């Protein structure tokens, strides 16, 4: 295998997302051949700029997201340098956060529709309800995870981070090769159960979560960022989740 570095552009709002993503690819067989570059922006600043400056998805097919980011705001020297690079994969990683004052289901659906392929325009991965959902495992394996939800009121009260801290057994530091297969298995199983695994899974999952919020005021806990590993190398991903026949303890 070649030792030539390949570049991934990670577009997200915070540092936790970057640290988690780097940890994931370091644990997966592709880790040593990729360099991750982070570009920070807010999901609604991005989607509002796109909608105000481009008339259709077809028009967006002819423009790279790096060009959009260059136009979005006055970038620092470091950001300009990052956006000038060539990327093999472009990842957008944002929180669902239906309690946010700026939340717009139309906008987030629009963005999910546009960014649906990491090696082309980019792939949007959503944390339901926020990045802390990536660590919301009571144990590994976690028999409760398939049906784990959070009520919008918990988010409004600002208690979700505390809840994950109290219940969760996973942190970025504690994530390792023994735990990752169980997390991937739970993530895959939950998506498969809720909407099925297909090329439209992320769009269907977003629609499902919106309906859950509107009808019941709940969100199914799920961080889709783990599925980047599936989308990058489905065979290796399935090998890892097949290895979860035995359990681990914390």
Protein backbone atom coordinates (compact mmCIF):
# COMPACT_ATOMS: atom_id res chain seq x y z
CA UNK A 1 0.00 0.00 0.00
CA UNK A 2 1.28 3.48 -0.87
CA UNK A 3 2.54 5.74 1.91
CA UNK A 4 1.42 8.86 0.05
CA UNK A 5 -0.76 10.99 2.29
CA UNK A 6 -4.32 11.69 1.20
CA UNK A 7 -6.32 14.63 2.49
CA UNK A 8 -9.74 14.71 4.17
CA UNK A 9 -11.54 18.00 4.69
CA UNK A 10 -13.66 17.95 7.86
CA UNK A 11 -16.21 20.77 8.02
CA UNK A 12 -17.70 21.11 11.49
CA UNK A 13 -18.35 23.55 14.30
CA UNK A 14 -16.22 22.35 17.20
CA UNK A 15 -13.03 20.66 18.29
CA UNK A 16 -14.69 17.54 19.72
CA UNK A 17 -15.82 16.55 16.23
CA UNK A 18 -12.30 16.86 14.90
CA UNK A 19 -10.78 14.85 17.74
CA UNK A 20 -13.35 12.09 17.39
CA UNK A 21 -12.98 11.86 13.63
CA UNK A 22 -9.20 11.67 13.83
CA UNK A 23 -9.47 8.97 16.47
CA UNK A 24 -11.82 6.93 14.28
CA UNK A 25 -9.57 6.88 11.26
CA UNK A 26 -6.55 6.16 13.45
CA UNK A 27 -8.30 2.99 14.66
CA UNK A 28 -9.45 1.94 11.19
CA UNK A 29 -6.98 0.40 8.68
CA UNK A 30 -6.84 3.64 6.64
CA UNK A 31 -5.46 5.84 9.44
CA UNK A 32 -1.78 6.18 8.52
CA UNK A 33 -2.51 7.30 4.95
CA UNK A 34 -4.84 10.22 5.65
CA UNK A 35 -4.34 13.78 6.84
CA UNK A 36 -7.41 15.49 8.29
CA UNK A 37 -7.87 19.24 7.87
CA UNK A 38 -10.59 20.96 9.85
CA UNK A 39 -12.60 23.95 8.68
CA UNK A 40 -14.91 25.47 11.29
CA UNK A 41 -18.29 26.92 10.39
CA UNK A 42 -21.88 26.90 11.59
CA UNK A 43 -24.37 24.71 9.73
CA UNK A 44 -26.92 27.49 9.32
CA UNK A 45 -24.37 30.06 8.22
CA UNK A 46 -23.35 27.57 5.55
CA UNK A 47 -26.83 26.62 4.37
CA UNK A 48 -28.07 30.22 4.35
CA UNK A 49 -25.12 31.31 2.25
CA UNK A 50 -25.73 28.47 -0.21
CA UNK A 51 -29.44 29.19 -0.54
CA UNK A 52 -28.85 32.94 -0.94
CA UNK A 53 -26.18 32.56 -3.62
CA UNK A 54 -27.11 29.49 -5.66
CA UNK A 55 -30.41 28.88 -7.35
CA UNK A 56 -30.51 25.10 -7.52
CA UNK A 57 -28.83 21.85 -6.59
CA UNK A 58 -27.91 21.44 -10.26
CA UNK A 59 -25.97 24.71 -10.10
CA UNK A 60 -24.18 23.45 -6.99
CA UNK A 61 -23.03 20.33 -8.83
CA UNK A 62 -20.63 22.51 -10.79
CA UNK A 63 -18.97 24.12 -7.78
CA UNK A 64 -16.85 22.63 -5.02
CA UNK A 65 -17.61 23.25 -1.38
CA UNK A 66 -14.07 24.59 -0.95
CA UNK A 67 -14.97 27.40 -3.32
CA UNK A 68 -18.18 28.04 -1.38
CA UNK A 69 -16.20 28.21 1.86
CA UNK A 70 -13.75 30.65 0.30
CA UNK A 71 -16.68 32.90 -0.56
CA UNK A 72 -18.56 32.36 2.72
CA UNK A 73 -16.41 34.57 4.91
CA UNK A 74 -13.09 36.32 5.20
CA UNK A 75 -10.77 33.39 5.81
CA UNK A 76 -7.55 33.43 7.78
CA UNK A 77 -4.23 32.64 6.09
CA UNK A 78 -4.41 29.14 7.55
CA UNK A 79 -7.94 28.59 6.23
CA UNK A 80 -6.99 29.84 2.76
CA UNK A 81 -4.09 27.41 2.74
CA UNK A 82 -6.36 24.53 3.79
CA UNK A 83 -8.99 25.32 1.16
CA UNK A 84 -6.34 25.37 -1.57
CA UNK A 85 -5.53 21.69 -1.04
CA UNK A 86 -6.96 18.77 -2.98
CA UNK A 87 -9.15 16.42 -0.97
CA UNK A 88 -10.04 12.80 -1.57
CA UNK A 89 -12.97 13.04 0.86
CA UNK A 90 -15.03 15.93 2.19
CA UNK A 91 -16.96 15.37 5.39
CA UNK A 92 -19.55 17.70 6.89
CA UNK A 93 -20.30 16.85 10.51
CA UNK A 94 -23.01 18.81 12.31
CA UNK A 95 -25.53 18.47 15.13
CA UNK A 96 -29.28 18.02 14.62
CA UNK A 97 -30.23 20.13 17.68
CA UNK A 98 -33.96 20.70 17.01
CA UNK A 99 -34.11 22.95 20.10
CA UNK A 100 -31.70 25.47 18.54
CA UNK A 101 -33.29 28.85 17.80
CA UNK A 102 -31.93 28.66 14.24
CA UNK A 103 -33.19 25.13 13.58
CA UNK A 104 -34.93 24.73 10.24
CA UNK A 105 -35.98 21.30 9.06
CA UNK A 106 -36.15 22.58 5.49
CA UNK A 107 -32.57 23.84 5.64
CA UNK A 108 -31.09 20.70 7.13
CA UNK A 109 -32.98 18.48 4.66
CA UNK A 110 -31.70 20.70 1.86
CA UNK A 111 -28.11 20.33 3.05
CA UNK A 112 -28.43 16.56 3.44
CA UNK A 113 -29.73 16.30 -0.11
CA UNK A 114 -26.85 18.32 -1.54
CA UNK A 115 -24.03 16.66 0.36
CA UNK A 116 -24.54 12.96 -0.12
CA UNK A 117 -21.20 11.59 -1.39
CA UNK A 118 -17.89 12.19 0.37
CA UNK A 119 -15.65 11.79 -2.68
CA UNK A 120 -17.79 14.09 -4.83
CA UNK A 121 -19.33 17.24 -3.32
CA UNK A 122 -19.12 15.94 0.24
CA UNK A 123 -21.09 13.82 2.70
CA UNK A 124 -23.11 15.25 5.56
CA UNK A 125 -23.11 13.18 8.75
CA UNK A 126 -25.49 14.31 11.49
CA UNK A 127 -25.26 13.80 15.24
CA UNK A 128 -28.69 13.10 16.71
CA UNK A 129 -29.23 15.16 18.76
CA UNK A 130 -25.64 16.48 19.14
CA UNK A 131 -22.01 15.33 19.21
CA UNK A 132 -22.41 13.83 22.70
CA UNK A 133 -24.59 11.12 21.15
CA UNK A 134 -21.37 9.58 19.83
CA UNK A 135 -20.55 8.63 23.44
CA UNK A 136 -24.04 7.75 24.70
CA UNK A 137 -23.43 4.07 25.42
CA UNK A 138 -24.37 2.73 28.86
CA UNK A 139 -22.08 -0.25 28.38
CA UNK A 140 -20.50 -2.21 25.56
CA UNK A 141 -22.37 -4.04 24.26
CA UNK A 142 -25.33 -1.81 25.15
CA UNK A 143 -28.63 -3.69 24.94
CA UNK A 144 -30.56 -0.46 25.45
CA UNK A 145 -28.95 1.44 22.58
CA UNK A 146 -31.32 0.32 19.83
CA UNK A 147 -34.25 2.02 21.55
CA UNK A 148 -32.37 4.86 23.24
CA UNK A 149 -34.03 8.27 22.76
CA UNK A 150 -33.83 11.73 24.28
CA UNK A 151 -36.69 14.16 24.77
CA UNK A 152 -36.42 17.65 23.34
CA UNK A 153 -37.08 19.08 26.81
CA UNK A 154 -33.79 17.56 28.01
CA UNK A 155 -32.03 19.49 25.27
CA UNK A 156 -33.89 22.71 26.04
CA UNK A 157 -32.90 22.44 29.68
CA UNK A 158 -29.27 21.92 28.74
CA UNK A 159 -29.14 18.57 30.53
CA UNK A 160 -28.17 16.22 27.71
CA UNK A 161 -24.40 16.61 28.10
CA UNK A 162 -24.76 15.86 31.82
CA UNK A 163 -26.93 12.83 31.05
CA UNK A 164 -24.34 11.40 28.70
CA UNK A 165 -21.64 12.10 31.26
CA UNK A 166 -23.63 10.22 33.90
CA UNK A 167 -24.70 7.29 31.70
CA UNK A 168 -21.98 7.07 29.09
CA UNK A 169 -19.02 4.71 29.29
CA UNK A 170 -17.20 6.02 26.23
CA UNK A 171 -14.96 9.04 25.73
CA UNK A 172 -12.55 9.85 22.93
CA UNK A 173 -9.68 8.89 25.21
CA UNK A 174 -11.23 5.52 26.10
CA UNK A 175 -12.20 4.63 22.54
CA UNK A 176 -9.92 1.86 21.30
CA UNK A 177 -9.81 -1.16 19.00
CA UNK A 178 -11.68 -3.34 21.47
CA UNK A 179 -14.61 -0.93 21.83
CA UNK A 180 -14.93 0.41 18.28
CA UNK A 181 -16.45 -2.77 16.73
CA UNK A 182 -19.30 -2.72 19.27
CA UNK A 183 -20.04 0.93 18.58
CA UNK A 184 -20.01 0.34 14.83
CA UNK A 185 -22.29 -2.66 15.27
CA UNK A 186 -24.79 -0.70 17.37
CA UNK A 187 -24.74 2.21 14.92
CA UNK A 188 -25.26 -0.01 11.89
CA UNK A 189 -27.99 -2.05 13.58
CA UNK A 190 -29.89 1.06 14.65
CA UNK A 191 -29.87 2.62 11.19
CA UNK A 192 -30.84 -0.70 9.63
CA UNK A 193 -33.73 -1.05 12.08
CA UNK A 194 -35.01 2.50 11.76
CA UNK A 195 -34.77 3.10 8.00
CA UNK A 196 -32.74 0.29 6.39
CA UNK A 197 -29.24 0.43 4.94
CA UNK A 198 -29.29 1.92 1.43
CA UNK A 199 -27.92 4.81 -0.60
CA UNK A 200 -30.76 6.93 0.81
CA UNK A 201 -30.31 5.95 4.46
CA UNK A 202 -29.14 9.36 5.65
CA UNK A 203 -32.01 11.19 3.95
CA UNK A 204 -34.53 8.69 5.31
CA UNK A 205 -33.01 8.87 8.77
CA UNK A 206 -33.27 12.66 8.80
CA UNK A 207 -36.92 12.46 7.73
CA UNK A 208 -37.54 9.87 10.45
CA UNK A 209 -35.96 12.04 13.14
CA UNK A 210 -37.94 15.11 12.08
CA UNK A 211 -41.19 13.13 12.31
CA UNK A 212 -40.19 11.79 15.74
CA UNK A 213 -39.58 15.32 17.00
CA UNK A 214 -42.81 16.67 15.57
CA UNK A 215 -45.02 13.77 16.68
CA UNK A 216 -43.45 12.72 19.99
CA UNK A 217 -40.89 15.34 20.93
CA UNK A 218 -38.09 12.77 20.94
CA UNK A 219 -34.90 12.03 18.98
CA UNK A 220 -33.40 8.58 18.51
CA UNK A 221 -29.87 8.81 19.88
CA UNK A 222 -27.42 8.20 17.04
CA UNK A 223 -24.20 9.66 15.67
CA UNK A 224 -23.88 8.87 11.98
CA UNK A 225 -20.20 9.91 11.84
CA UNK A 226 -19.28 6.29 12.61
CA UNK A 227 -20.77 5.36 9.24
CA UNK A 228 -17.96 7.14 7.43
CA UNK A 229 -15.96 3.98 8.05
CA UNK A 230 -18.74 1.94 6.43
CA UNK A 231 -18.96 4.28 3.47
CA UNK A 232 -15.19 4.26 3.02
CA UNK A 233 -14.68 0.50 3.27
CA UNK A 234 -17.85 -1.51 3.72
CA UNK A 235 -16.03 -4.87 3.70
CA UNK A 236 -13.66 -3.95 6.52
CA UNK A 237 -16.52 -2.34 8.45
CA UNK A 238 -18.61 -5.52 8.28
CA UNK A 239 -15.62 -7.62 9.32
CA UNK A 240 -15.28 -5.49 12.43
CA UNK A 241 -18.93 -5.69 13.44
CA UNK A 242 -18.91 -9.44 12.84
CA UNK A 243 -16.19 -9.67 15.46
CA UNK A 244 -18.54 -8.57 18.24
CA UNK A 245 -19.68 -12.05 19.21
CA UNK A 246 -17.92 -11.71 22.55
CA UNK A 247 -18.48 -8.94 25.08
CA UNK A 248 -16.14 -6.57 26.87
CA UNK A 249 -16.39 -4.93 30.25
CA UNK A 250 -15.32 -1.46 31.35
